[in-house]
Amino acid sequence: ARFPRLGNWILSGRRLDFLIRLLGF
């Protein structure tokens, strides 16, 4: 809510791929 660009960064690229592999698989 304070730093939306940080959230955008986390939900993209390698960060998103890491989260999907970690939490989904």
PDB file of all heavy atoms in Angstrom:
ATOM      1  N   ALA A   1       0.830  -1.205   0.000  1.00  0.00           N
ATOM      2  CA  ALA A   1       0.000   0.000   0.000  1.00  0.00           C
ATOM      3  C   ALA A   1       0.866   1.257   0.000  1.00  0.00           C
ATOM      4  O   ALA A   1       0.494   2.287  -0.573  1.00  0.00           O
ATOM      5  CB  ALA A   1      -0.931  -0.004   1.204  1.00  0.00           C
ATOM      6  N   ARG A   2       2.046   1.193   0.650  1.00  0.00           N
ATOM      7  CA  ARG A   2       2.945   2.346   0.706  1.00  0.00           C
ATOM      8  C   ARG A   2       3.946   2.358  -0.439  1.00  0.00           C
ATOM      9  O   ARG A   2       4.335   3.421  -0.928  1.00  0.00           O
ATOM     10  CB  ARG A   2       3.702   2.347   2.040  1.00  0.00           C
ATOM     11  CG  ARG A   2       2.850   2.640   3.263  1.00  0.00           C
ATOM     12  CD  ARG A   2       3.717   3.042   4.437  1.00  0.00           C
ATOM     13  NE  ARG A   2       4.477   4.259   4.153  1.00  0.00           N
ATOM     14  CZ  ARG A   2       5.394   4.772   4.984  1.00  0.00           C
ATOM     15  NH1 ARG A   2       5.661   4.149   6.134  1.00  0.00           N
ATOM     16  NH2 ARG A   2       6.056   5.868   4.659  1.00  0.00           N
ATOM     17  N   PHE A   3       4.356   1.159  -0.847  1.00  0.00           N
ATOM     18  CA  PHE A   3       5.376   1.062  -1.891  1.00  0.00           C
ATOM     19  C   PHE A   3       4.892   0.083  -2.975  1.00  0.00           C
ATOM     20  O   PHE A   3       5.407  -1.037  -3.072  1.00  0.00           O
ATOM     21  CB  PHE A   3       6.705   0.591  -1.306  1.00  0.00           C
ATOM     22  CG  PHE A   3       7.174   1.384  -0.122  1.00  0.00           C
ATOM     23  CD1 PHE A   3       7.041   0.892   1.174  1.00  0.00           C
ATOM     24  CD2 PHE A   3       7.742   2.644  -0.298  1.00  0.00           C
ATOM     25  CE1 PHE A   3       7.472   1.618   2.267  1.00  0.00           C
ATOM     26  CE2 PHE A   3       8.181   3.388   0.788  1.00  0.00           C
ATOM     27  CZ  PHE A   3       8.044   2.882   2.075  1.00  0.00           C
ATOM     28  N   PRO A   4       3.901   0.474  -3.786  1.00  0.00           N
ATOM     29  CA  PRO A   4       3.332  -0.451  -4.773  1.00  0.00           C
ATOM     30  C   PRO A   4       4.332  -0.959  -5.804  1.00  0.00           C
ATOM     31  O   PRO A   4       4.193  -2.073  -6.310  1.00  0.00           O
ATOM     32  CB  PRO A   4       2.227   0.386  -5.434  1.00  0.00           C
ATOM     33  CG  PRO A   4       2.589   1.816  -5.148  1.00  0.00           C
ATOM     34  CD  PRO A   4       3.245   1.795  -3.803  1.00  0.00           C
ATOM     35  N   ARG A   5       5.363  -0.159  -6.092  1.00  0.00           N
ATOM     36  CA  ARG A   5       6.358  -0.626  -7.058  1.00  0.00           C
ATOM     37  C   ARG A   5       7.126  -1.834  -6.544  1.00  0.00           C
ATOM     38  O   ARG A   5       7.554  -2.690  -7.321  1.00  0.00           O
ATOM     39  CB  ARG A   5       7.332   0.509  -7.397  1.00  0.00           C
ATOM     40  CG  ARG A   5       6.716   1.632  -8.230  1.00  0.00           C
ATOM     41  CD  ARG A   5       7.757   2.650  -8.623  1.00  0.00           C
ATOM     42  NE  ARG A   5       7.183   3.724  -9.426  1.00  0.00           N
ATOM     43  CZ  ARG A   5       7.880   4.747  -9.906  1.00  0.00           C
ATOM     44  NH1 ARG A   5       9.191   4.825  -9.671  1.00  0.00           N
ATOM     45  NH2 ARG A   5       7.286   5.682 -10.628  1.00  0.00           N
ATOM     46  N   LEU A   6       7.287  -1.904  -5.227  1.00  0.00           N
ATOM     47  CA  LEU A   6       7.954  -3.066  -4.638  1.00  0.00           C
ATOM     48  C   LEU A   6       7.099  -4.307  -4.842  1.00  0.00           C
ATOM     49  O   LEU A   6       7.602  -5.381  -5.188  1.00  0.00           O
ATOM     50  CB  LEU A   6       8.214  -2.829  -3.151  1.00  0.00           C
ATOM     51  CG  LEU A   6       8.854  -3.997  -2.381  1.00  0.00           C
ATOM     52  CD1 LEU A   6      10.205  -4.363  -2.996  1.00  0.00           C
ATOM     53  CD2 LEU A   6       9.010  -3.631  -0.905  1.00  0.00           C
ATOM     54  N   GLY A   7       5.786  -4.158  -4.624  1.00  0.00           N
ATOM     55  CA  GLY A   7       4.874  -5.280  -4.858  1.00  0.00           C
ATOM     56  C   GLY A   7       4.877  -5.714  -6.310  1.00  0.00           C
ATOM     57  O   GLY A   7       4.857  -6.907  -6.617  1.00  0.00           O
ATOM     58  N   ASN A   8       4.923  -4.741  -7.212  1.00  0.00           N
ATOM     59  CA  ASN A   8       4.990  -5.062  -8.639  1.00  0.00           C
ATOM     60  C   ASN A   8       6.252  -5.861  -8.967  1.00  0.00           C
ATOM     61  O   ASN A   8       6.223  -6.807  -9.761  1.00  0.00           O
ATOM     62  CB  ASN A   8       4.987  -3.775  -9.473  1.00  0.00           C
ATOM     63  CG  ASN A   8       3.696  -2.989  -9.333  1.00  0.00           C
ATOM     64  OD1 ASN A   8       2.719  -3.478  -8.776  1.00  0.00           O
ATOM     65  ND2 ASN A   8       3.695  -1.767  -9.831  1.00  0.00           N
ATOM     66  N   TRP A   9       7.350  -5.482  -8.347  1.00  0.00           N
ATOM     67  CA  TRP A   9       8.633  -6.148  -8.589  1.00  0.00           C
ATOM     68  C   TRP A   9       8.599  -7.583  -8.078  1.00  0.00           C
ATOM     69  O   TRP A   9       9.069  -8.502  -8.754  1.00  0.00           O
ATOM     70  CB  TRP A   9       9.739  -5.351  -7.891  1.00  0.00           C
ATOM     71  CG  TRP A   9      11.118  -5.910  -8.085  1.00  0.00           C
ATOM     72  CD1 TRP A   9      11.904  -5.825  -9.195  1.00  0.00           C
ATOM     73  CD2 TRP A   9      11.869  -6.657  -7.110  1.00  0.00           C
ATOM     74  NE1 TRP A   9      13.115  -6.463  -8.985  1.00  0.00           N
ATOM     75  CE2 TRP A   9      13.127  -6.988  -7.712  1.00  0.00           C
ATOM     76  CE3 TRP A   9      11.624  -7.060  -5.795  1.00  0.00           C
ATOM     77  CZ2 TRP A   9      14.098  -7.708  -7.042  1.00  0.00           C
ATOM     78  CZ3 TRP A   9      12.598  -7.783  -5.128  1.00  0.00           C
ATOM     79  CH2 TRP A   9      13.819  -8.101  -5.749  1.00  0.00           C
ATOM     80  N   ILE A  10       8.012  -7.778  -6.909  1.00  0.00           N
ATOM     81  CA  ILE A  10       7.943  -9.122  -6.328  1.00  0.00           C
ATOM     82  C   ILE A  10       7.078 -10.048  -7.176  1.00  0.00           C
ATOM     83  O   ILE A  10       7.390 -11.234  -7.351  1.00  0.00           O
ATOM     84  CB  ILE A  10       7.410  -9.054  -4.880  1.00  0.00           C
ATOM     85  CG1 ILE A  10       8.442  -8.355  -3.977  1.00  0.00           C
ATOM     86  CG2 ILE A  10       7.093 -10.451  -4.344  1.00  0.00           C
ATOM     87  CD1 ILE A  10       7.942  -8.095  -2.582  1.00  0.00           C
ATOM     88  N   LEU A  11       5.998  -9.497  -7.732  1.00  0.00           N
ATOM     89  CA  LEU A  11       5.068 -10.319  -8.512  1.00  0.00           C
ATOM     90  C   LEU A  11       5.429 -10.342  -9.993  1.00  0.00           C
ATOM     91  O   LEU A  11       4.558 -10.373 -10.863  1.00  0.00           O
ATOM     92  CB  LEU A  11       3.634  -9.800  -8.326  1.00  0.00           C
ATOM     93  CG  LEU A  11       3.036 -10.001  -6.939  1.00  0.00           C
ATOM     94  CD1 LEU A  11       1.687  -9.311  -6.831  1.00  0.00           C
ATOM     95  CD2 LEU A  11       2.896 -11.491  -6.613  1.00  0.00           C
ATOM     96  N   SER A  12       6.704 -10.360 -10.292  1.00  0.00           N
ATOM     97  CA  SER A  12       7.142 -10.404 -11.685  1.00  0.00           C
ATOM     98  C   SER A  12       8.486 -11.122 -11.794  1.00  0.00           C
ATOM     99  O   SER A  12       9.201 -11.292 -10.799  1.00  0.00           O
ATOM    100  CB  SER A  12       7.269  -8.979 -12.251  1.00  0.00           C
ATOM    101  OG  SER A  12       8.265  -8.247 -11.551  1.00  0.00           O
ATOM    102  N   GLY A  13       8.790 -11.545 -12.994  1.00  0.00           N
ATOM    103  CA  GLY A  13      10.101 -12.121 -13.281  1.00  0.00           C
ATOM    104  C   GLY A  13      10.490 -13.311 -12.422  1.00  0.00           C
ATOM    105  O   GLY A  13       9.672 -14.171 -12.095  1.00  0.00           O
ATOM    106  N   ARG A  14      11.750 -13.336 -12.027  1.00  0.00           N
ATOM    107  CA  ARG A  14      12.277 -14.460 -11.265  1.00  0.00           C
ATOM    108  C   ARG A  14      11.655 -14.577  -9.883  1.00  0.00           C
ATOM    109  O   ARG A  14      11.565 -15.670  -9.327  1.00  0.00           O
ATOM    110  CB  ARG A  14      13.795 -14.333 -11.145  1.00  0.00           C
ATOM    111  CG  ARG A  14      14.539 -14.473 -12.480  1.00  0.00           C
ATOM    112  CD  ARG A  14      16.035 -14.378 -12.285  1.00  0.00           C
ATOM    113  NE  ARG A  14      16.752 -14.536 -13.554  1.00  0.00           N
ATOM    114  CZ  ARG A  14      18.065 -14.472 -13.671  1.00  0.00           C
ATOM    115  NH1 ARG A  14      18.820 -14.257 -12.586  1.00  0.00           N
ATOM    116  NH2 ARG A  14      18.642 -14.627 -14.857  1.00  0.00           N
ATOM    117  N   ARG A  15      11.242 -13.430  -9.298  1.00  0.00           N
ATOM    118  CA  ARG A  15      10.617 -13.482  -7.970  1.00  0.00           C
ATOM    119  C   ARG A  15       9.311 -14.254  -8.041  1.00  0.00           C
ATOM    120  O   ARG A  15       9.029 -15.110  -7.207  1.00  0.00           O
ATOM    121  CB  ARG A  15      10.350 -12.073  -7.419  1.00  0.00           C
ATOM    122  CG  ARG A  15      11.561 -11.333  -6.866  1.00  0.00           C
ATOM    123  CD  ARG A  15      12.444 -10.807  -7.943  1.00  0.00           C
ATOM    124  NE  ARG A  15      11.679  -9.932  -8.857  1.00  0.00           N
ATOM    125  CZ  ARG A  15      12.136  -9.535 -10.049  1.00  0.00           C
ATOM    126  NH1 ARG A  15      13.328  -9.927 -10.477  1.00  0.00           N
ATOM    127  NH2 ARG A  15      11.408  -8.756 -10.821  1.00  0.00           N
ATOM    128  N   LEU A  16       8.503 -13.983  -9.062  1.00  0.00           N
ATOM    129  CA  LEU A  16       7.239 -14.693  -9.229  1.00  0.00           C
ATOM    130  C   LEU A  16       7.488 -16.172  -9.485  1.00  0.00           C
ATOM    131  O   LEU A  16       6.818 -17.036  -8.904  1.00  0.00           O
ATOM    132  CB  LEU A  16       6.438 -14.080 -10.381  1.00  0.00           C
ATOM    133  CG  LEU A  16       5.091 -14.749 -10.691  1.00  0.00           C
ATOM    134  CD1 LEU A  16       4.145 -14.637  -9.498  1.00  0.00           C
ATOM    135  CD2 LEU A  16       4.450 -14.126 -11.928  1.00  0.00           C
ATOM    136  N   ASP A  17       8.445 -16.476 -10.335  1.00  0.00           N
ATOM    137  CA  ASP A  17       8.776 -17.873 -10.631  1.00  0.00           C
ATOM    138  C   ASP A  17       9.196 -18.602  -9.356  1.00  0.00           C
ATOM    139  O   ASP A  17       8.774 -19.742  -9.108  1.00  0.00           O
ATOM    140  CB  ASP A  17       9.899 -17.925 -11.664  1.00  0.00           C
ATOM    141  CG  ASP A  17      10.295 -19.354 -12.018  1.00  0.00           C
ATOM    142  OD1 ASP A  17       9.428 -20.111 -12.469  1.00  0.00           O
ATOM    143  OD2 ASP A  17      11.475 -19.705 -11.828  1.00  0.00           O
ATOM    144  N   PHE A  18       9.997 -17.943  -8.533  1.00  0.00           N
ATOM    145  CA  PHE A  18      10.442 -18.550  -7.264  1.00  0.00           C
ATOM    146  C   PHE A  18       9.245 -18.824  -6.352  1.00  0.00           C
ATOM    147  O   PHE A  18       9.144 -19.908  -5.750  1.00  0.00           O
ATOM    148  CB  PHE A  18      11.432 -17.619  -6.568  1.00  0.00           C
ATOM    149  CG  PHE A  18      11.774 -18.039  -5.164  1.00  0.00           C
ATOM    150  CD1 PHE A  18      12.642 -19.090  -4.922  1.00  0.00           C
ATOM    151  CD2 PHE A  18      11.203 -17.388  -4.069  1.00  0.00           C
ATOM    152  CE1 PHE A  18      12.945 -19.492  -3.623  1.00  0.00           C
ATOM    153  CE2 PHE A  18      11.494 -17.780  -2.775  1.00  0.00           C
ATOM    154  CZ  PHE A  18      12.367 -18.832  -2.545  1.00  0.00           C
ATOM    155  N   LEU A  19       8.328 -17.858  -6.224  1.00  0.00           N
ATOM    156  CA  LEU A  19       7.168 -18.024  -5.346  1.00  0.00           C
ATOM    157  C   LEU A  19       6.274 -19.158  -5.819  1.00  0.00           C
ATOM    158  O   LEU A  19       5.777 -19.947  -5.004  1.00  0.00           O
ATOM    159  CB  LEU A  19       6.368 -16.723  -5.288  1.00  0.00           C
ATOM    160  CG  LEU A  19       7.010 -15.566  -4.522  1.00  0.00           C
ATOM    161  CD1 LEU A  19       6.189 -14.290  -4.698  1.00  0.00           C
ATOM    162  CD2 LEU A  19       7.155 -15.905  -3.041  1.00  0.00           C
ATOM    163  N   ILE A  20       6.094 -19.264  -7.124  1.00  0.00           N
ATOM    164  CA  ILE A  20       5.241 -20.332  -7.659  1.00  0.00           C
ATOM    165  C   ILE A  20       5.859 -21.699  -7.410  1.00  0.00           C
ATOM    166  O   ILE A  20       5.178 -22.637  -6.976  1.00  0.00           O
ATOM    167  CB  ILE A  20       4.995 -20.101  -9.166  1.00  0.00           C
ATOM    168  CG1 ILE A  20       4.082 -18.884  -9.357  1.00  0.00           C
ATOM    169  CG2 ILE A  20       4.371 -21.347  -9.806  1.00  0.00           C
ATOM    170  CD1 ILE A  20       3.950 -18.443 -10.793  1.00  0.00           C
ATOM    171  N   ARG A  21       7.145 -21.819  -7.649  1.00  0.00           N
ATOM    172  CA  ARG A  21       7.809 -23.108  -7.414  1.00  0.00           C
ATOM    173  C   ARG A  21       7.854 -23.447  -5.932  1.00  0.00           C
ATOM    174  O   ARG A  21       7.671 -24.603  -5.544  1.00  0.00           O
ATOM    175  CB  ARG A  21       9.224 -23.090  -7.993  1.00  0.00           C
ATOM    176  CG  ARG A  21       9.256 -23.165  -9.520  1.00  0.00           C
ATOM    177  CD  ARG A  21      10.659 -23.334 -10.076  1.00  0.00           C
ATOM    178  NE  ARG A  21      11.438 -22.101  -9.952  1.00  0.00           N
ATOM    179  CZ  ARG A  21      12.431 -21.923  -9.087  1.00  0.00           C
ATOM    180  NH1 ARG A  21      12.763 -22.903  -8.253  1.00  0.00           N
ATOM    181  NH2 ARG A  21      13.100 -20.788  -9.037  1.00  0.00           N
ATOM    182  N   LEU A  22       8.061 -22.431  -5.090  1.00  0.00           N
ATOM    183  CA  LEU A  22       8.138 -22.657  -3.651  1.00  0.00           C
ATOM    184  C   LEU A  22       6.790 -23.049  -3.065  1.00  0.00           C
ATOM    185  O   LEU A  22       6.673 -24.061  -2.349  1.00  0.00           O
ATOM    186  CB  LEU A  22       8.650 -21.388  -2.958  1.00  0.00           C
ATOM    187  CG  LEU A  22       8.638 -21.403  -1.414  1.00  0.00           C
ATOM    188  CD1 LEU A  22       9.643 -22.417  -0.891  1.00  0.00           C
ATOM    189  CD2 LEU A  22       8.930 -20.002  -0.870  1.00  0.00           C
ATOM    190  N   LEU A  23       5.764 -22.257  -3.346  1.00  0.00           N
ATOM    191  CA  LEU A  23       4.467 -22.447  -2.705  1.00  0.00           C
ATOM    192  C   LEU A  23       3.579 -23.450  -3.439  1.00  0.00           C
ATOM    193  O   LEU A  23       2.807 -24.173  -2.801  1.00  0.00           O
ATOM    194  CB  LEU A  23       3.733 -21.104  -2.604  1.00  0.00           C
ATOM    195  CG  LEU A  23       4.459 -20.023  -1.789  1.00  0.00           C
ATOM    196  CD1 LEU A  23       3.686 -18.711  -1.837  1.00  0.00           C
ATOM    197  CD2 LEU A  23       4.660 -20.478  -0.344  1.00  0.00           C
ATOM    198  N   GLY A  24       3.691 -23.497  -4.768  1.00  0.00           N
ATOM    199  CA  GLY A  24       2.838 -24.406  -5.522  1.00  0.00           C
ATOM    200  C   GLY A  24       3.391 -25.806  -5.650  1.00  0.00           C
ATOM    201  O   GLY A  24       2.650 -26.790  -5.584  1.00  0.00           O
ATOM    202  N   PHE A  25       4.710 -25.903  -5.811  1.00  0.00           N
ATOM    203  CA  PHE A  25       5.330 -27.193  -6.096  1.00  0.00           C
ATOM    204  C   PHE A  25       6.365 -27.598  -5.047  1.00  0.00           C
ATOM    205  O   PHE A  25       7.131 -28.543  -5.266  1.00  0.00           O
ATOM    206  CB  PHE A  25       5.986 -27.146  -7.480  1.00  0.00           C
ATOM    207  CG  PHE A  25       5.003 -26.899  -8.597  1.00  0.00           C
ATOM    208  CD1 PHE A  25       4.653 -25.603  -8.954  1.00  0.00           C
ATOM    209  CD2 PHE A  25       4.421 -27.958  -9.268  1.00  0.00           C
ATOM    210  CE1 PHE A  25       3.742 -25.364  -9.991  1.00  0.00           C
ATOM    211  CE2 PHE A  25       3.514 -27.732 -10.294  1.00  0.00           C
ATOM    212  CZ  PHE A  25       3.169 -26.430 -10.645  1.00  0.00           C
TER     213      PHE A  25
END
